[in-house]
């Protein structure tokens, strides 16, 4: 078997209303079509993937994302061109997103170029561009870390 991409990722938002507003701008910007928008679910599909948010259970309402805790580390969308990452940076600034790092090159793969930012709950999100075959090119290996600077262990 060989997978055909990632079908979807869902996260649970501590503040569903704020996350709904944020992703209501971000997902269409990324070219995703909103296919579900209910009292507890917001979900978009595009680029052979889906991304959605759920409202939290009552006991978890108001909690924030903690990177490094068990669970999601970050989510990354792949851009088609390096200029798309720069365009995303301008868009994210225009909607007041928290930028962890502006567009930059890193050594995670040849030509790796990305922006790292957070949603209203502090969930880490990334948009990257890697030209050609990236780590699948002959002789390439992972650079020892993640896009936010933490290291593989």
N, C-alpha and C. Protein backbone atom coordinates (compact mmCIF):
# COMPACT_ATOMS: atom_id res chain seq x y z
N UNK A 1 0.84 -1.19 0.00
CA UNK A 1 0.00 0.00 0.00
C UNK A 1 0.87 1.24 0.00
N UNK A 2 0.39 2.29 -0.64
CA UNK A 2 1.02 3.60 -0.56
C UNK A 2 -0.08 4.64 -0.38
N UNK A 3 0.04 5.47 0.66
CA UNK A 3 -1.00 6.46 0.92
C UNK A 3 -1.06 7.50 -0.20
N UNK A 4 -2.19 8.15 -0.28
CA UNK A 4 -2.42 9.17 -1.30
C UNK A 4 -2.66 10.52 -0.63
N UNK A 5 -1.74 10.92 0.24
CA UNK A 5 -1.87 12.19 0.94
C UNK A 5 -2.55 12.04 2.28
N UNK A 6 -2.89 13.15 2.89
CA UNK A 6 -3.57 13.19 4.18
C UNK A 6 -5.02 13.59 3.91
N UNK A 7 -5.95 12.74 4.29
CA UNK A 7 -7.36 13.02 4.02
C UNK A 7 -7.86 14.22 4.82
N UNK A 8 -7.54 14.27 6.11
CA UNK A 8 -7.97 15.39 6.93
C UNK A 8 -7.24 15.40 8.27
N UNK A 9 -7.20 16.56 8.84
CA UNK A 9 -6.74 16.77 10.20
C UNK A 9 -7.83 17.56 10.91
N UNK A 10 -8.19 17.14 12.11
CA UNK A 10 -9.12 17.88 12.96
C UNK A 10 -8.42 18.24 14.25
N UNK A 11 -8.65 19.44 14.71
CA UNK A 11 -8.17 19.85 16.03
C UNK A 11 -9.37 20.27 16.85
N UNK A 12 -9.22 20.24 18.16
CA UNK A 12 -10.25 20.75 19.06
C UNK A 12 -9.80 22.11 19.55
N UNK A 13 -10.66 23.09 19.39
CA UNK A 13 -10.34 24.47 19.76
C UNK A 13 -10.86 24.78 21.15
N UNK A 14 -10.01 25.34 21.99
CA UNK A 14 -10.45 25.73 23.33
C UNK A 14 -11.48 26.85 23.28
N UNK A 15 -11.31 27.76 22.33
CA UNK A 15 -12.26 28.86 22.11
C UNK A 15 -12.79 28.70 20.69
N UNK A 16 -13.87 27.95 20.54
CA UNK A 16 -14.39 27.61 19.22
C UNK A 16 -14.78 28.85 18.42
N UNK A 17 -15.39 29.84 19.06
CA UNK A 17 -15.83 31.04 18.33
C UNK A 17 -14.64 31.78 17.73
N UNK A 18 -13.58 31.97 18.52
CA UNK A 18 -12.38 32.66 18.01
C UNK A 18 -11.71 31.83 16.93
N UNK A 19 -11.64 30.52 17.13
CA UNK A 19 -11.03 29.65 16.12
C UNK A 19 -11.86 29.64 14.84
N UNK A 20 -13.17 29.62 14.98
CA UNK A 20 -14.05 29.63 13.81
C UNK A 20 -13.83 30.90 12.99
N UNK A 21 -13.69 32.04 13.66
CA UNK A 21 -13.44 33.30 12.96
C UNK A 21 -12.08 33.26 12.24
N UNK A 22 -11.04 32.78 12.92
CA UNK A 22 -9.70 32.70 12.35
C UNK A 22 -9.66 31.76 11.14
N UNK A 23 -10.14 30.53 11.33
CA UNK A 23 -10.11 29.55 10.24
C UNK A 23 -11.10 29.90 9.13
N UNK A 24 -12.14 30.67 9.46
CA UNK A 24 -13.07 31.16 8.44
C UNK A 24 -12.40 32.10 7.46
N UNK A 25 -11.30 32.70 7.85
CA UNK A 25 -10.50 33.54 6.96
C UNK A 25 -9.35 32.72 6.34
N UNK A 26 -8.66 31.94 7.18
CA UNK A 26 -7.47 31.22 6.72
C UNK A 26 -7.78 30.15 5.68
N UNK A 27 -8.74 29.28 5.95
CA UNK A 27 -8.97 28.16 5.04
C UNK A 27 -9.37 28.62 3.64
N UNK A 28 -10.29 29.57 3.47
CA UNK A 28 -10.57 30.06 2.11
C UNK A 28 -9.35 30.71 1.46
N UNK A 29 -8.53 31.42 2.24
CA UNK A 29 -7.30 31.99 1.70
C UNK A 29 -6.41 30.89 1.11
N UNK A 30 -6.39 29.73 1.77
CA UNK A 30 -5.58 28.60 1.31
C UNK A 30 -6.23 27.86 0.14
N UNK A 31 -7.37 28.35 -0.32
CA UNK A 31 -8.05 27.72 -1.45
C UNK A 31 -8.95 26.57 -1.06
N UNK A 32 -9.26 26.47 0.22
CA UNK A 32 -10.11 25.39 0.70
C UNK A 32 -11.57 25.83 0.68
N UNK A 33 -12.45 24.91 0.33
CA UNK A 33 -13.88 25.14 0.31
C UNK A 33 -14.47 24.70 1.64
N UNK A 34 -15.25 25.55 2.27
CA UNK A 34 -15.88 25.19 3.55
C UNK A 34 -17.06 24.28 3.24
N UNK A 35 -17.02 23.07 3.79
CA UNK A 35 -18.06 22.07 3.53
C UNK A 35 -18.90 21.76 4.76
N UNK A 36 -18.47 22.25 5.93
CA UNK A 36 -19.26 22.08 7.15
C UNK A 36 -19.04 23.30 8.04
N UNK A 37 -20.13 23.87 8.49
CA UNK A 37 -20.07 25.02 9.39
C UNK A 37 -21.28 24.93 10.31
N UNK A 38 -21.10 24.24 11.45
CA UNK A 38 -22.19 24.02 12.38
C UNK A 38 -21.83 24.61 13.74
N UNK A 39 -22.69 24.40 14.73
CA UNK A 39 -22.45 24.94 16.07
C UNK A 39 -21.19 24.38 16.73
N UNK A 40 -20.70 23.21 16.26
CA UNK A 40 -19.52 22.61 16.90
C UNK A 40 -18.46 22.09 15.93
N UNK A 41 -18.62 22.34 14.63
CA UNK A 41 -17.67 21.85 13.63
C UNK A 41 -17.50 22.88 12.52
N UNK A 42 -16.26 23.07 12.12
CA UNK A 42 -15.94 23.92 10.97
C UNK A 42 -14.89 23.16 10.17
N UNK A 43 -15.15 22.95 8.86
CA UNK A 43 -14.31 22.03 8.09
C UNK A 43 -14.18 22.50 6.65
N UNK A 44 -12.95 22.54 6.16
CA UNK A 44 -12.68 22.92 4.78
C UNK A 44 -11.91 21.84 4.05
N UNK A 45 -12.11 21.78 2.72
CA UNK A 45 -11.45 20.78 1.88
C UNK A 45 -10.85 21.48 0.67
N UNK A 46 -9.64 21.10 0.32
CA UNK A 46 -8.98 21.62 -0.87
C UNK A 46 -7.54 21.14 -0.93
N UNK A 47 -6.97 21.14 -2.14
CA UNK A 47 -5.58 20.72 -2.27
C UNK A 47 -5.35 19.29 -1.80
N UNK A 48 -6.31 18.41 -2.03
CA UNK A 48 -6.24 17.00 -1.63
C UNK A 48 -6.11 16.79 -0.13
N UNK A 49 -6.67 17.71 0.64
CA UNK A 49 -6.65 17.54 2.08
C UNK A 49 -7.86 18.23 2.71
N UNK A 50 -8.12 17.92 3.94
CA UNK A 50 -9.16 18.58 4.70
C UNK A 50 -8.60 19.03 6.03
N UNK A 51 -9.15 20.11 6.54
CA UNK A 51 -8.73 20.60 7.85
C UNK A 51 -9.97 21.12 8.57
N UNK A 52 -10.13 20.71 9.82
CA UNK A 52 -11.31 21.12 10.54
C UNK A 52 -11.05 21.36 12.01
N UNK A 53 -12.01 22.04 12.61
CA UNK A 53 -11.97 22.27 14.05
C UNK A 53 -13.28 21.81 14.66
N UNK A 54 -13.17 21.33 15.89
CA UNK A 54 -14.34 20.95 16.69
C UNK A 54 -14.38 21.82 17.93
N UNK A 55 -15.56 22.03 18.45
CA UNK A 55 -15.72 22.69 19.74
C UNK A 55 -15.27 21.71 20.83
N UNK A 56 -14.76 22.22 21.94
CA UNK A 56 -14.30 21.33 23.01
C UNK A 56 -15.45 20.78 23.84
N UNK A 57 -15.18 19.68 24.53
CA UNK A 57 -16.10 19.22 25.57
C UNK A 57 -16.12 20.30 26.65
N UNK A 58 -17.20 20.38 27.39
CA UNK A 58 -17.38 21.44 28.39
C UNK A 58 -16.20 21.55 29.36
N UNK A 59 -15.66 20.41 29.78
CA UNK A 59 -14.57 20.45 30.77
C UNK A 59 -13.26 20.98 30.21
N UNK A 60 -13.15 21.08 28.87
CA UNK A 60 -11.91 21.57 28.25
C UNK A 60 -12.06 22.95 27.63
N UNK A 61 -13.24 23.53 27.71
CA UNK A 61 -13.48 24.86 27.13
C UNK A 61 -12.51 25.87 27.74
N UNK A 62 -11.94 26.69 26.89
CA UNK A 62 -11.03 27.74 27.34
C UNK A 62 -9.58 27.33 27.47
N UNK A 63 -9.29 26.04 27.35
CA UNK A 63 -7.90 25.62 27.44
C UNK A 63 -7.15 26.02 26.18
N UNK A 64 -5.84 26.17 26.32
CA UNK A 64 -4.99 26.55 25.19
C UNK A 64 -4.07 25.40 24.81
N UNK A 65 -3.63 25.45 23.59
CA UNK A 65 -2.67 24.48 23.05
C UNK A 65 -1.35 24.57 23.81
N UNK A 66 -0.72 23.42 24.07
CA UNK A 66 0.59 23.39 24.71
C UNK A 66 1.52 22.56 23.85
N UNK A 67 2.35 23.23 23.07
CA UNK A 67 3.28 22.50 22.23
C UNK A 67 4.25 21.75 23.12
N UNK A 68 4.51 20.51 22.78
CA UNK A 68 5.38 19.66 23.57
C UNK A 68 4.58 18.69 24.45
N UNK A 69 3.30 18.97 24.67
CA UNK A 69 2.45 18.02 25.40
C UNK A 69 2.10 16.88 24.44
N UNK A 70 1.61 15.80 24.96
CA UNK A 70 1.20 14.68 24.12
C UNK A 70 0.12 15.14 23.15
N UNK A 71 0.23 14.75 21.91
CA UNK A 71 -0.74 15.14 20.89
C UNK A 71 -0.07 15.90 19.76
N UNK A 72 -0.82 16.72 19.12
CA UNK A 72 -0.35 17.48 17.97
C UNK A 72 0.85 18.35 18.31
N UNK A 73 1.86 18.33 17.46
CA UNK A 73 3.01 19.24 17.60
C UNK A 73 2.76 20.50 16.78
N UNK A 74 2.45 20.32 15.50
CA UNK A 74 2.03 21.42 14.63
C UNK A 74 1.46 20.84 13.35
N UNK A 75 0.75 21.67 12.61
CA UNK A 75 0.20 21.25 11.32
C UNK A 75 0.83 22.13 10.25
N UNK A 76 1.20 21.51 9.12
CA UNK A 76 1.86 22.24 8.04
C UNK A 76 1.14 22.01 6.71
N UNK A 77 0.82 23.13 6.03
CA UNK A 77 0.29 23.05 4.67
C UNK A 77 1.45 23.27 3.70
N UNK A 78 1.46 22.54 2.60
CA UNK A 78 2.50 22.68 1.59
C UNK A 78 2.06 23.67 0.53
N UNK A 79 2.88 24.68 0.28
CA UNK A 79 2.62 25.67 -0.77
C UNK A 79 3.19 25.18 -2.10
N UNK A 80 2.64 25.68 -3.20
CA UNK A 80 3.10 25.30 -4.54
C UNK A 80 4.31 26.10 -5.00
N UNK A 81 4.48 27.31 -4.44
CA UNK A 81 5.59 28.18 -4.83
C UNK A 81 6.10 28.92 -3.61
N UNK A 82 7.37 29.31 -3.64
CA UNK A 82 7.94 30.07 -2.54
C UNK A 82 7.19 31.38 -2.33
N UNK A 83 6.77 32.02 -3.42
CA UNK A 83 6.03 33.29 -3.32
C UNK A 83 4.73 33.12 -2.54
N UNK A 84 4.14 31.92 -2.55
CA UNK A 84 2.92 31.66 -1.79
C UNK A 84 3.15 31.84 -0.29
N UNK A 85 4.33 31.46 0.18
CA UNK A 85 4.66 31.61 1.60
C UNK A 85 4.73 33.10 1.95
N UNK A 86 5.33 33.89 1.07
CA UNK A 86 5.39 35.33 1.30
C UNK A 86 3.99 35.95 1.29
N UNK A 87 3.15 35.50 0.36
CA UNK A 87 1.77 35.99 0.28
C UNK A 87 1.01 35.63 1.56
N UNK A 88 1.23 34.41 2.05
CA UNK A 88 0.58 33.98 3.29
C UNK A 88 1.02 34.87 4.46
N UNK A 89 2.28 35.23 4.50
CA UNK A 89 2.79 36.09 5.57
C UNK A 89 2.04 37.42 5.58
N UNK A 90 1.90 38.04 4.41
CA UNK A 90 1.17 39.31 4.32
C UNK A 90 -0.28 39.13 4.77
N UNK A 91 -0.91 38.04 4.33
CA UNK A 91 -2.30 37.76 4.72
C UNK A 91 -2.42 37.58 6.23
N UNK A 92 -1.54 36.77 6.80
CA UNK A 92 -1.60 36.49 8.23
C UNK A 92 -1.40 37.76 9.06
N UNK A 93 -0.51 38.61 8.63
CA UNK A 93 -0.34 39.90 9.33
C UNK A 93 -1.61 40.72 9.23
N UNK A 94 -2.28 40.68 8.07
CA UNK A 94 -3.49 41.49 7.88
C UNK A 94 -4.65 41.04 8.76
N UNK A 95 -4.66 39.76 9.16
CA UNK A 95 -5.74 39.29 10.04
C UNK A 95 -5.29 39.23 11.50
N UNK A 96 -4.09 39.71 11.79
CA UNK A 96 -3.62 39.78 13.17
C UNK A 96 -3.14 38.48 13.76
N UNK A 97 -2.75 37.53 12.92
CA UNK A 97 -2.25 36.25 13.43
C UNK A 97 -0.93 36.45 14.17
N UNK A 98 -0.68 35.62 15.16
CA UNK A 98 0.60 35.63 15.87
C UNK A 98 1.62 34.92 14.99
N UNK A 99 2.66 35.64 14.60
CA UNK A 99 3.71 35.08 13.75
C UNK A 99 4.85 34.62 14.65
N UNK A 100 5.16 33.33 14.64
CA UNK A 100 6.27 32.79 15.42
C UNK A 100 7.58 33.11 14.71
N UNK A 101 7.63 32.85 13.41
CA UNK A 101 8.75 33.33 12.60
C UNK A 101 8.25 33.67 11.21
N UNK A 102 8.76 34.79 10.66
CA UNK A 102 8.36 35.18 9.30
C UNK A 102 8.98 34.21 8.29
N UNK A 103 8.65 34.38 7.01
CA UNK A 103 9.21 33.48 6.00
C UNK A 103 10.75 33.44 6.08
N UNK A 104 11.26 32.21 6.07
CA UNK A 104 12.71 32.04 6.11
C UNK A 104 13.08 30.68 5.56
N UNK A 105 14.34 30.55 5.20
CA UNK A 105 14.88 29.26 4.75
C UNK A 105 15.41 28.51 5.96
N UNK A 106 15.24 27.21 5.94
CA UNK A 106 15.78 26.34 6.98
C UNK A 106 16.40 25.12 6.31
N UNK A 107 17.16 24.35 7.06
CA UNK A 107 17.91 23.22 6.51
C UNK A 107 17.17 21.89 6.64
N UNK A 108 15.86 21.91 6.81
CA UNK A 108 15.11 20.67 7.01
C UNK A 108 15.02 19.85 5.73
N UNK A 109 15.12 20.50 4.58
CA UNK A 109 15.14 19.86 3.26
C UNK A 109 15.75 20.89 2.31
N UNK A 110 16.27 20.46 1.18
CA UNK A 110 16.85 21.42 0.24
C UNK A 110 15.81 22.46 -0.20
N UNK A 111 16.11 23.75 0.00
CA UNK A 111 15.22 24.81 -0.41
C UNK A 111 14.04 25.05 0.51
N UNK A 112 14.01 24.43 1.69
CA UNK A 112 12.90 24.54 2.63
C UNK A 112 12.68 26.00 2.99
N UNK A 113 11.45 26.49 2.82
CA UNK A 113 11.10 27.88 3.06
C UNK A 113 9.74 27.88 3.74
N UNK A 114 9.62 28.55 4.88
CA UNK A 114 8.36 28.44 5.62
C UNK A 114 8.08 29.65 6.48
N UNK A 115 6.82 29.71 6.91
CA UNK A 115 6.37 30.65 7.93
C UNK A 115 5.69 29.81 9.02
N UNK A 116 5.92 30.19 10.27
CA UNK A 116 5.31 29.50 11.41
C UNK A 116 4.46 30.51 12.16
N UNK A 117 3.22 30.13 12.48
CA UNK A 117 2.29 31.04 13.13
C UNK A 117 1.37 30.26 14.05
N UNK A 118 0.51 30.98 14.78
CA UNK A 118 -0.40 30.35 15.74
C UNK A 118 -1.83 30.77 15.49
N UNK A 119 -2.75 29.86 15.81
CA UNK A 119 -4.18 30.21 15.80
C UNK A 119 -4.53 30.86 17.14
N UNK A 120 -5.78 31.26 17.37
CA UNK A 120 -6.13 31.95 18.62
C UNK A 120 -5.87 31.14 19.89
N UNK A 121 -5.85 29.80 19.80
CA UNK A 121 -5.56 28.96 20.96
C UNK A 121 -4.07 28.70 21.13
N UNK A 122 -3.25 29.23 20.22
CA UNK A 122 -1.82 28.99 20.29
C UNK A 122 -1.37 27.75 19.54
N UNK A 123 -2.28 27.08 18.82
CA UNK A 123 -1.90 25.91 18.03
C UNK A 123 -0.92 26.34 16.95
N UNK A 124 0.21 25.66 16.87
CA UNK A 124 1.23 26.00 15.90
C UNK A 124 0.83 25.50 14.52
N UNK A 125 0.95 26.40 13.55
CA UNK A 125 0.62 26.12 12.16
C UNK A 125 1.77 26.61 11.28
N UNK A 126 1.95 25.95 10.16
CA UNK A 126 3.05 26.29 9.28
C UNK A 126 2.57 26.21 7.83
N UNK A 127 3.16 27.02 6.99
CA UNK A 127 3.01 26.90 5.55
C UNK A 127 4.42 26.84 5.00
N UNK A 128 4.73 25.78 4.21
CA UNK A 128 6.08 25.67 3.70
C UNK A 128 6.08 25.41 2.20
N UNK A 129 7.25 25.62 1.63
CA UNK A 129 7.50 25.29 0.24
C UNK A 129 8.83 24.56 0.20
N UNK A 130 8.85 23.42 -0.49
CA UNK A 130 10.07 22.65 -0.72
C UNK A 130 10.10 22.34 -2.21
N UNK A 131 11.13 22.82 -2.91
CA UNK A 131 11.18 22.57 -4.35
C UNK A 131 11.57 21.13 -4.69
N UNK A 132 11.22 20.72 -5.89
CA UNK A 132 11.64 19.40 -6.38
C UNK A 132 11.15 18.27 -5.51
N UNK A 133 12.03 17.31 -5.29
CA UNK A 133 11.68 16.11 -4.52
C UNK A 133 11.92 16.25 -3.03
N UNK A 134 12.50 17.35 -2.60
CA UNK A 134 12.75 17.55 -1.17
C UNK A 134 13.56 16.41 -0.58
N UNK A 135 13.08 15.85 0.51
CA UNK A 135 13.80 14.77 1.19
C UNK A 135 13.78 13.46 0.41
N UNK A 136 12.95 13.37 -0.63
CA UNK A 136 12.92 12.16 -1.44
C UNK A 136 13.97 12.18 -2.56
N UNK A 137 14.66 13.30 -2.72
CA UNK A 137 15.74 13.38 -3.71
C UNK A 137 16.87 12.46 -3.27
N UNK A 138 17.57 11.84 -4.20
CA UNK A 138 18.68 10.94 -3.85
C UNK A 138 19.68 11.60 -2.91
N UNK A 139 20.04 10.89 -1.85
CA UNK A 139 21.05 11.36 -0.90
C UNK A 139 20.55 12.31 0.18
N UNK A 140 19.27 12.61 0.21
CA UNK A 140 18.75 13.56 1.21
C UNK A 140 18.25 12.82 2.45
N UNK A 141 18.47 13.43 3.59
CA UNK A 141 17.99 12.91 4.87
C UNK A 141 17.41 14.05 5.67
N UNK A 142 16.61 13.73 6.67
CA UNK A 142 16.00 14.76 7.52
C UNK A 142 17.10 15.50 8.28
N UNK A 143 16.89 16.79 8.46
CA UNK A 143 17.92 17.66 9.04
C UNK A 143 18.03 17.61 10.55
N UNK A 144 17.31 16.74 11.24
CA UNK A 144 17.47 16.61 12.69
C UNK A 144 16.52 17.43 13.53
N UNK A 145 15.57 18.11 12.90
CA UNK A 145 14.67 18.90 13.71
C UNK A 145 13.39 19.24 13.00
N UNK A 146 12.57 20.00 13.68
CA UNK A 146 11.29 20.46 13.16
C UNK A 146 11.41 21.91 12.73
N UNK A 147 10.42 22.39 12.00
CA UNK A 147 10.46 23.74 11.46
C UNK A 147 10.49 24.82 12.54
N UNK A 148 10.11 24.49 13.76
CA UNK A 148 10.11 25.52 14.80
C UNK A 148 11.41 25.50 15.61
N UNK A 149 12.38 24.67 15.20
CA UNK A 149 13.66 24.64 15.88
C UNK A 149 13.82 23.56 16.91
N UNK A 150 12.75 22.84 17.29
CA UNK A 150 12.90 21.73 18.23
C UNK A 150 13.56 20.57 17.51
N UNK A 151 14.19 19.72 18.25
CA UNK A 151 14.97 18.62 17.67
C UNK A 151 14.24 17.30 17.76
N UNK A 152 14.51 16.43 16.75
CA UNK A 152 14.05 15.04 16.82
C UNK A 152 14.78 14.36 17.96
N UNK A 153 14.13 13.42 18.61
CA UNK A 153 14.80 12.70 19.69
C UNK A 153 14.74 11.22 19.42
